Amino acid sequence: MVILLVVFLFQFGMSCSCLAFSTEQQENVLYSSWGTMDGDARKTLEQHMDCCGLIDSPEKRDEFSMDASLCTAACKVKGICFKCGDLLLQDGGEALKILGGVGLFFSFSELLGVWLVLCYRNQKDSQTGHDAF
């Protein structure tokens, strides 16, 4: 029962943090992970998602222009490319909302399990002898 309660607390906390993860925080995570990626990983991501560059912000304009010029995605031939950061933010935001909601559902079902254990843990089995307890 104690373990179930600890699992509830951990899962509830993680679910709430998924739901509270703001767009600015997601952008910070994207910037830090984009900075650690090497050129080949960036090209593979851009080709797979059919996008160029991360996010075109004023403070990172030089980096975005360099990434966009080195992009080899198929959308560049067409002339219309989305920014990879926008696509990742959209997909990541949806995933975080779904994961947070599912986590909350299961954490509250675990809380229901704790309540059931508290209610029914000391009941006697009617099929065993009365002197068994």
Protein backbone atom coordinates (compact mmCIF):
# COMPACT_ATOMS: atom_id res chain seq x y z
CA MET A 1 0.00 0.00 0.00
CA VAL A 2 2.85 2.38 0.79
CA ILE A 3 4.52 1.56 -2.52
CA LEU A 4 1.26 2.23 -4.36
CA LEU A 5 0.98 5.59 -2.62
CA VAL A 6 4.57 6.51 -3.57
CA VAL A 7 3.90 5.51 -7.18
CA PHE A 8 0.77 7.69 -7.13
CA LEU A 9 2.71 10.70 -5.87
CA PHE A 10 5.47 10.26 -8.46
CA GLN A 11 3.06 9.73 -11.34
CA PHE A 12 0.84 12.62 -10.25
CA GLY A 13 3.86 14.92 -10.09
CA MET A 14 5.12 13.88 -13.52
CA SER A 15 1.65 14.28 -15.04
CA CYS A 16 1.25 17.76 -13.60
CA SER A 17 4.70 18.75 -14.85
CA CYS A 18 3.83 17.51 -18.35
CA LEU A 19 0.67 19.60 -18.34
CA ALA A 20 2.47 22.66 -16.94
CA PHE A 21 5.36 22.58 -19.46
CA SER A 22 5.05 25.95 -21.23
CA THR A 23 5.92 26.81 -24.83
CA GLU A 24 8.90 28.89 -23.68
CA GLN A 25 10.28 25.94 -21.74
CA GLN A 26 9.80 23.71 -24.78
CA GLU A 27 11.70 26.26 -26.90
CA ASN A 28 14.56 26.28 -24.39
CA VAL A 29 14.76 22.48 -24.55
CA LEU A 30 14.71 22.59 -28.36
CA TYR A 31 17.46 25.24 -28.50
CA SER A 32 19.69 23.30 -26.13
CA SER A 33 19.18 19.99 -27.95
CA TRP A 34 19.62 21.63 -31.38
CA GLY A 35 22.90 23.11 -30.19
CA THR A 36 24.25 19.72 -29.13
CA MET A 37 23.29 17.99 -32.39
CA ASP A 38 25.97 17.61 -35.04
CA GLY A 39 25.40 18.62 -38.67
CA ASP A 40 24.54 15.12 -39.87
CA ALA A 41 21.85 14.68 -37.20
CA ARG A 42 20.34 18.05 -38.13
CA LYS A 43 20.28 17.14 -41.83
CA THR A 44 18.67 13.78 -41.07
CA LEU A 45 16.00 15.45 -38.93
CA GLU A 46 15.34 18.09 -41.58
CA GLN A 47 15.03 15.48 -44.33
CA HIS A 48 12.80 13.22 -42.23
CA MET A 49 10.45 16.02 -41.14
CA ASP A 50 10.72 17.92 -44.47
CA CYS A 51 11.61 21.22 -42.80
CA CYS A 52 14.54 23.65 -42.59
CA GLY A 53 16.12 25.36 -39.57
CA LEU A 54 14.89 25.47 -36.01
CA ILE A 55 13.13 28.70 -35.01
CA ASP A 56 13.59 32.05 -36.77
CA SER A 57 13.91 34.36 -33.77
CA PRO A 58 15.70 37.73 -33.78
CA GLU A 59 18.41 36.63 -31.35
CA LYS A 60 19.20 33.45 -33.32
CA ARG A 61 18.76 34.82 -36.86
CA ASP A 62 22.37 34.12 -37.95
CA GLU A 63 22.21 30.51 -36.82
CA PHE A 64 18.83 30.04 -38.51
CA SER A 65 20.11 31.50 -41.82
CA MET A 66 23.12 29.19 -41.76
CA ASP A 67 20.93 26.15 -40.99
CA ALA A 68 18.46 27.12 -43.73
CA SER A 69 21.25 27.53 -46.28
CA LEU A 70 22.70 24.09 -45.44
CA CYS A 71 19.29 22.39 -45.51
CA THR A 72 18.88 19.52 -47.97
CA ALA A 73 15.21 18.71 -47.36
CA ALA A 74 12.86 18.09 -50.28
CA CYS A 75 10.75 21.13 -49.37
CA LYS A 76 13.62 23.44 -50.32
CA VAL A 77 13.21 22.42 -53.96
CA LYS A 78 9.53 23.38 -53.79
CA GLY A 79 10.45 26.71 -52.19
CA ILE A 80 8.08 26.39 -49.23
CA CYS A 81 9.60 25.00 -46.05
CA PHE A 82 8.26 24.94 -42.54
CA LYS A 83 10.59 25.56 -39.63
CA CYS A 84 11.50 22.38 -37.75
CA GLY A 85 11.07 24.14 -34.41
CA ASP A 86 7.47 25.03 -35.17
CA LEU A 87 6.67 21.44 -36.13
CA LEU A 88 8.44 20.05 -33.07
CA LEU A 89 6.71 22.52 -30.75
CA GLN A 90 3.31 21.63 -32.16
CA ASP A 91 3.87 17.87 -31.92
CA GLY A 92 5.62 18.11 -28.55
CA GLY A 93 2.86 20.24 -27.04
CA GLU A 94 0.20 17.77 -28.12
CA ALA A 95 2.22 14.83 -26.83
CA LEU A 96 2.76 16.49 -23.45
CA LYS A 97 -0.97 17.19 -23.07
CA ILE A 98 -1.87 13.61 -23.96
CA LEU A 99 0.79 12.12 -21.66
CA GLY A 100 -0.23 14.40 -18.80
CA GLY A 101 -3.91 13.50 -19.17
CA VAL A 102 -3.28 9.77 -19.36
CA GLY A 103 -0.90 9.98 -16.41
CA LEU A 104 -3.48 11.81 -14.33
CA PHE A 105 -6.11 9.22 -15.15
CA PHE A 106 -3.91 6.33 -14.07
CA SER A 107 -2.57 8.13 -11.00
CA PHE A 108 -6.12 8.66 -9.73
CA SER A 109 -6.95 5.03 -10.45
CA GLU A 110 -3.95 4.13 -8.27
CA LEU A 111 -5.35 6.40 -5.56
CA LEU A 112 -8.61 4.45 -5.84
CA GLY A 113 -6.55 1.28 -5.33
CA VAL A 114 -5.03 2.71 -2.15
CA TRP A 115 -8.52 3.56 -0.86
CA LEU A 116 -9.77 0.03 -1.65
CA VAL A 117 -6.81 -1.50 0.17
CA LEU A 118 -7.52 0.63 3.23
CA CYS A 119 -11.20 -0.35 3.23
CA TYR A 120 -10.88 -4.08 2.61
CA ARG A 121 -7.52 -5.16 4.00
CA ASN A 122 -8.81 -6.46 7.35
CA GLN A 123 -11.92 -8.31 6.18
CA LYS A 124 -12.29 -11.97 7.10
CA ASP A 125 -12.81 -14.63 4.47
CA SER A 126 -16.20 -16.28 5.02
CA GLN A 127 -14.98 -19.63 3.64
CA THR A 128 -12.25 -20.11 6.19
CA GLY A 129 -12.83 -21.07 9.80
CA HIS A 130 -13.97 -18.41 12.23
CA ASP A 131 -10.98 -19.03 14.46
CA ALA A 132 -8.49 -18.40 11.65
CA PHE A 133 -7.98 -14.82 12.75
